Amino acid sequence: ERSKLRNMYDGFFGGLCGMDFSGNIVMTFPFWDIHGTTSFFTEIYDVIGRHGFEILPLLPVDTMRTTMTPKGSLLYKRPGQNVGREVIKMRLRKE
């Protein structure tokens, strides 16, 4: 499933580049909580970077909360769920 998701998002970000997309975008990607161990969909970070996007903090740095990751994304998961969502804000890198 991770490979299928990676390929789907690779096509999506490639399409954005082909459209000369220049705004910010906020998307969610899955993460898994398996017996108390969090597993992130790390493949998406490579896809984002390969297409020239950079991850931005979702909230201002002075409002950082414990639910934020070191990358500045937010995590959302309801109690008892095995799959949560990582909310990521990104934009095309300025060159």
Protein backbone atom coordinates (compact mmCIF):
# COMPACT_ATOMS: atom_id res chain seq x y z
CA GLU A 1 0.00 0.00 0.00
CA ARG A 2 2.85 2.39 0.79
CA SER A 3 4.25 1.87 -2.71
CA LYS A 4 0.85 2.54 -4.30
CA LEU A 5 0.45 5.73 -2.26
CA ARG A 6 3.98 6.88 -3.15
CA ASN A 7 3.31 6.39 -6.86
CA MET A 8 -0.03 8.20 -6.66
CA TYR A 9 1.46 11.21 -4.87
CA ASP A 10 4.48 11.21 -7.19
CA GLY A 11 2.07 11.71 -10.10
CA PHE A 12 0.12 14.37 -8.20
CA PHE A 13 3.17 16.49 -7.37
CA GLY A 14 4.56 15.99 -10.86
CA GLY A 15 1.28 17.33 -12.22
CA LEU A 16 1.49 20.39 -9.97
CA CYS A 17 4.97 21.14 -11.29
CA GLY A 18 3.68 20.81 -14.86
CA MET A 19 0.99 23.40 -14.08
CA ASP A 20 3.48 25.94 -12.70
CA PHE A 21 1.72 25.79 -9.33
CA SER A 22 3.09 28.50 -7.03
CA GLY A 23 0.86 28.62 -3.92
CA ASN A 24 0.88 26.93 -0.56
CA ILE A 25 -0.80 23.57 -0.21
CA VAL A 26 -2.00 21.71 2.89
CA MET A 27 -2.49 17.96 2.65
CA THR A 28 -2.87 15.00 4.98
CA PHE A 29 -0.92 11.78 4.78
CA PRO A 30 -1.40 8.62 6.83
CA PHE A 31 0.63 7.51 9.80
CA TRP A 32 0.11 4.28 11.68
CA ASP A 33 0.02 3.56 15.40
CA ILE A 34 0.86 -0.09 15.79
CA HIS A 35 0.92 -1.23 19.41
CA GLY A 36 2.13 2.19 20.61
CA THR A 37 4.79 2.57 17.90
CA THR A 38 4.26 5.37 15.38
CA SER A 39 5.18 4.64 11.77
CA PHE A 40 5.17 7.62 9.41
CA PHE A 41 4.67 7.54 5.63
CA THR A 42 8.27 8.75 5.22
CA GLU A 43 8.26 8.04 1.49
CA ILE A 44 6.16 11.20 1.03
CA TYR A 45 9.02 13.39 2.26
CA ASP A 46 11.18 12.15 -0.64
CA VAL A 47 8.36 12.72 -3.14
CA ILE A 48 7.76 16.25 -1.84
CA GLY A 49 11.46 17.13 -2.03
CA ARG A 50 12.04 15.51 -5.42
CA HIS A 51 9.38 17.74 -6.97
CA GLY A 52 10.88 20.90 -5.50
CA PHE A 53 8.51 21.45 -2.58
CA GLU A 54 9.51 22.31 0.97
CA ILE A 55 7.60 21.61 4.17
CA LEU A 56 6.56 24.67 6.17
CA PRO A 57 5.47 24.84 9.82
CA LEU A 58 1.69 24.66 9.93
CA LEU A 59 1.48 27.05 12.89
CA PRO A 60 3.71 29.97 13.89
CA VAL A 61 6.78 28.75 15.78
CA ASP A 62 5.73 30.57 18.98
CA THR A 63 2.51 28.49 19.13
CA MET A 64 4.22 25.11 18.73
CA ARG A 65 2.30 22.37 20.48
CA THR A 66 3.31 18.89 21.50
CA THR A 67 1.26 17.47 18.61
CA MET A 68 3.63 19.08 16.11
CA THR A 69 6.40 17.00 14.61
CA PRO A 70 9.99 18.21 14.17
CA LYS A 71 9.05 18.99 10.53
CA GLY A 72 6.30 21.37 11.72
CA SER A 73 3.40 19.14 10.72
CA LEU A 74 0.46 18.29 12.98
CA LEU A 75 -0.75 14.83 13.91
CA TYR A 76 -4.41 13.88 14.27
CA LYS A 77 -5.73 10.53 15.42
CA ARG A 78 -8.87 9.59 17.32
CA PRO A 79 -8.54 7.33 20.36
CA GLY A 80 -8.53 3.68 19.38
CA GLN A 81 -7.65 4.28 15.74
CA ASN A 82 -4.63 2.60 14.18
CA VAL A 83 -4.38 5.10 11.31
CA GLY A 84 -4.02 8.81 11.88
CA ARG A 85 -3.29 11.81 9.68
CA GLU A 86 -0.18 13.93 9.43
CA VAL A 87 -1.19 17.42 8.27
CA ILE A 88 1.59 19.00 6.21
CA LYS A 89 1.84 22.50 4.75
CA MET A 90 4.22 22.96 1.82
CA ARG A 91 5.16 25.24 -1.05
CA LEU A 92 7.39 25.14 -4.07
CA ARG A 93 10.94 26.06 -3.05
CA LYS A 94 12.01 29.50 -4.17
CA GLU A 95 15.14 29.34 -6.26
